[in-house]
Structures are given as structure tokens and as C-alpha cells.
Amino acid sequence: MKQSRLMSLVESVANVVVGYGVAVVTQILIFPVFGLHTTLAQNLKMGAVFTVVSIARSFVLRRVFEAIRMRSAK
């Protein structure tokens, strides 16, 4: 059964939403180890930028692999 574009996007967004929380917590814990001191607001903004990039990357890769799968099924 083929995955629709919409479901590919939904899956990517769900994956990245969880990743966003992990990323922000990781930044809060790891940045001070490297001497970087940021506010919570800055961590949330940086996490948001990385989240948008991650959603786009995940969606494009999913569509590429789906196209490969469909091509090899023919």
C-alpha cells in the first residue's frame, strides 16, 4: 500500500515534534558544557529553526524513497 503525500508529511511532523523537545532539552544541558549560555527563549527559537529544516528534510527524503520504491515495483 502506497503512503500518501499527506501521511508522509504527518509522519514527518510527528517525528520532528518529538525531536524538538529532545533538542531543546539537549541544548539546555549541553550548551553550558561548551561555555554557551543562552536563555530559554533563545533555545526555543533555535529549536524552532532546526525543526522547520528537519521537517523539510524528512519530507523530501520520504518522498524520494517512496519514488524509488514505486519505480522498483513497476
Protein backbone atom coordinates (compact mmCIF):
# COMPACT_ATOMS: atom_id res chain seq x y z
CA MET A 1 0.00 0.00 0.00
CA LYS A 2 1.36 3.40 -1.02
CA GLN A 3 1.78 6.14 1.58
CA SER A 4 0.10 9.41 0.56
CA ARG A 5 1.95 12.72 0.50
CA LEU A 6 -0.23 13.98 3.35
CA MET A 7 0.56 10.99 5.54
CA SER A 8 4.26 11.41 4.72
CA LEU A 9 4.01 14.97 5.99
CA VAL A 10 2.05 13.95 9.10
CA GLU A 11 4.63 11.29 9.94
CA SER A 12 7.49 13.74 9.43
CA VAL A 13 5.86 16.40 11.61
CA ALA A 14 5.12 13.93 14.42
CA ASN A 15 8.72 12.73 14.33
CA VAL A 16 10.11 16.26 14.43
CA VAL A 17 7.77 17.48 17.19
CA VAL A 18 9.24 14.84 19.48
CA GLY A 19 12.71 15.73 18.22
CA TYR A 20 12.08 19.40 19.01
CA GLY A 21 11.56 18.65 22.68
CA VAL A 22 14.64 16.44 22.79
CA ALA A 23 16.70 19.10 21.01
CA VAL A 24 15.69 21.92 23.35
CA VAL A 25 16.40 19.85 26.46
CA THR A 26 19.73 18.76 24.97
CA GLN A 27 20.68 22.37 24.20
CA ILE A 28 19.83 23.42 27.75
CA LEU A 29 22.01 20.62 29.16
CA ILE A 30 24.92 20.66 26.69
CA PHE A 31 25.45 24.32 25.74
CA PRO A 32 26.80 25.29 29.20
CA VAL A 33 29.36 22.46 28.96
CA PHE A 34 30.82 24.29 25.94
CA GLY A 35 30.59 27.71 27.58
CA LEU A 36 27.48 28.77 25.68
CA HIS A 37 24.89 30.45 27.86
CA THR A 38 21.51 31.02 26.26
CA THR A 39 18.09 31.90 27.56
CA LEU A 40 15.13 29.56 27.34
CA ALA A 41 13.63 31.84 24.67
CA GLN A 42 16.81 31.59 22.59
CA ASN A 43 16.83 27.80 22.94
CA LEU A 44 13.19 27.63 21.84
CA LYS A 45 13.88 29.86 18.81
CA MET A 46 16.94 27.85 17.76
CA GLY A 47 14.95 24.65 18.19
CA ALA A 48 12.18 26.08 16.01
CA VAL A 49 14.60 26.88 13.17
CA PHE A 50 16.11 23.40 13.30
CA THR A 51 12.61 21.92 13.44
CA VAL A 52 11.50 23.61 10.22
CA VAL A 53 14.66 22.45 8.47
CA SER A 54 14.18 18.93 9.82
CA ILE A 55 10.56 18.71 8.66
CA ALA A 56 11.53 19.76 5.15
CA ARG A 57 14.47 17.34 5.07
CA SER A 58 12.43 14.44 6.37
CA PHE A 59 9.56 15.07 3.95
CA VAL A 60 11.85 15.32 0.91
CA LEU A 61 13.74 12.17 1.84
CA ARG A 62 10.50 10.27 2.44
CA ARG A 63 9.20 11.29 -1.00
CA VAL A 64 12.49 10.33 -2.69
CA PHE A 65 12.45 6.87 -1.11
CA GLU A 66 8.77 6.45 -1.95
CA ALA A 67 9.52 7.31 -5.58
CA ILE A 68 12.36 4.79 -5.60
CA ARG A 69 10.09 2.15 -4.11
CA MET A 70 7.35 2.82 -6.65
CA ARG A 71 9.82 2.78 -9.55
CA SER A 72 11.29 -0.55 -8.48
CA ALA A 73 7.80 -2.04 -8.06
CA LYS A 74 7.00 -1.50 -11.74
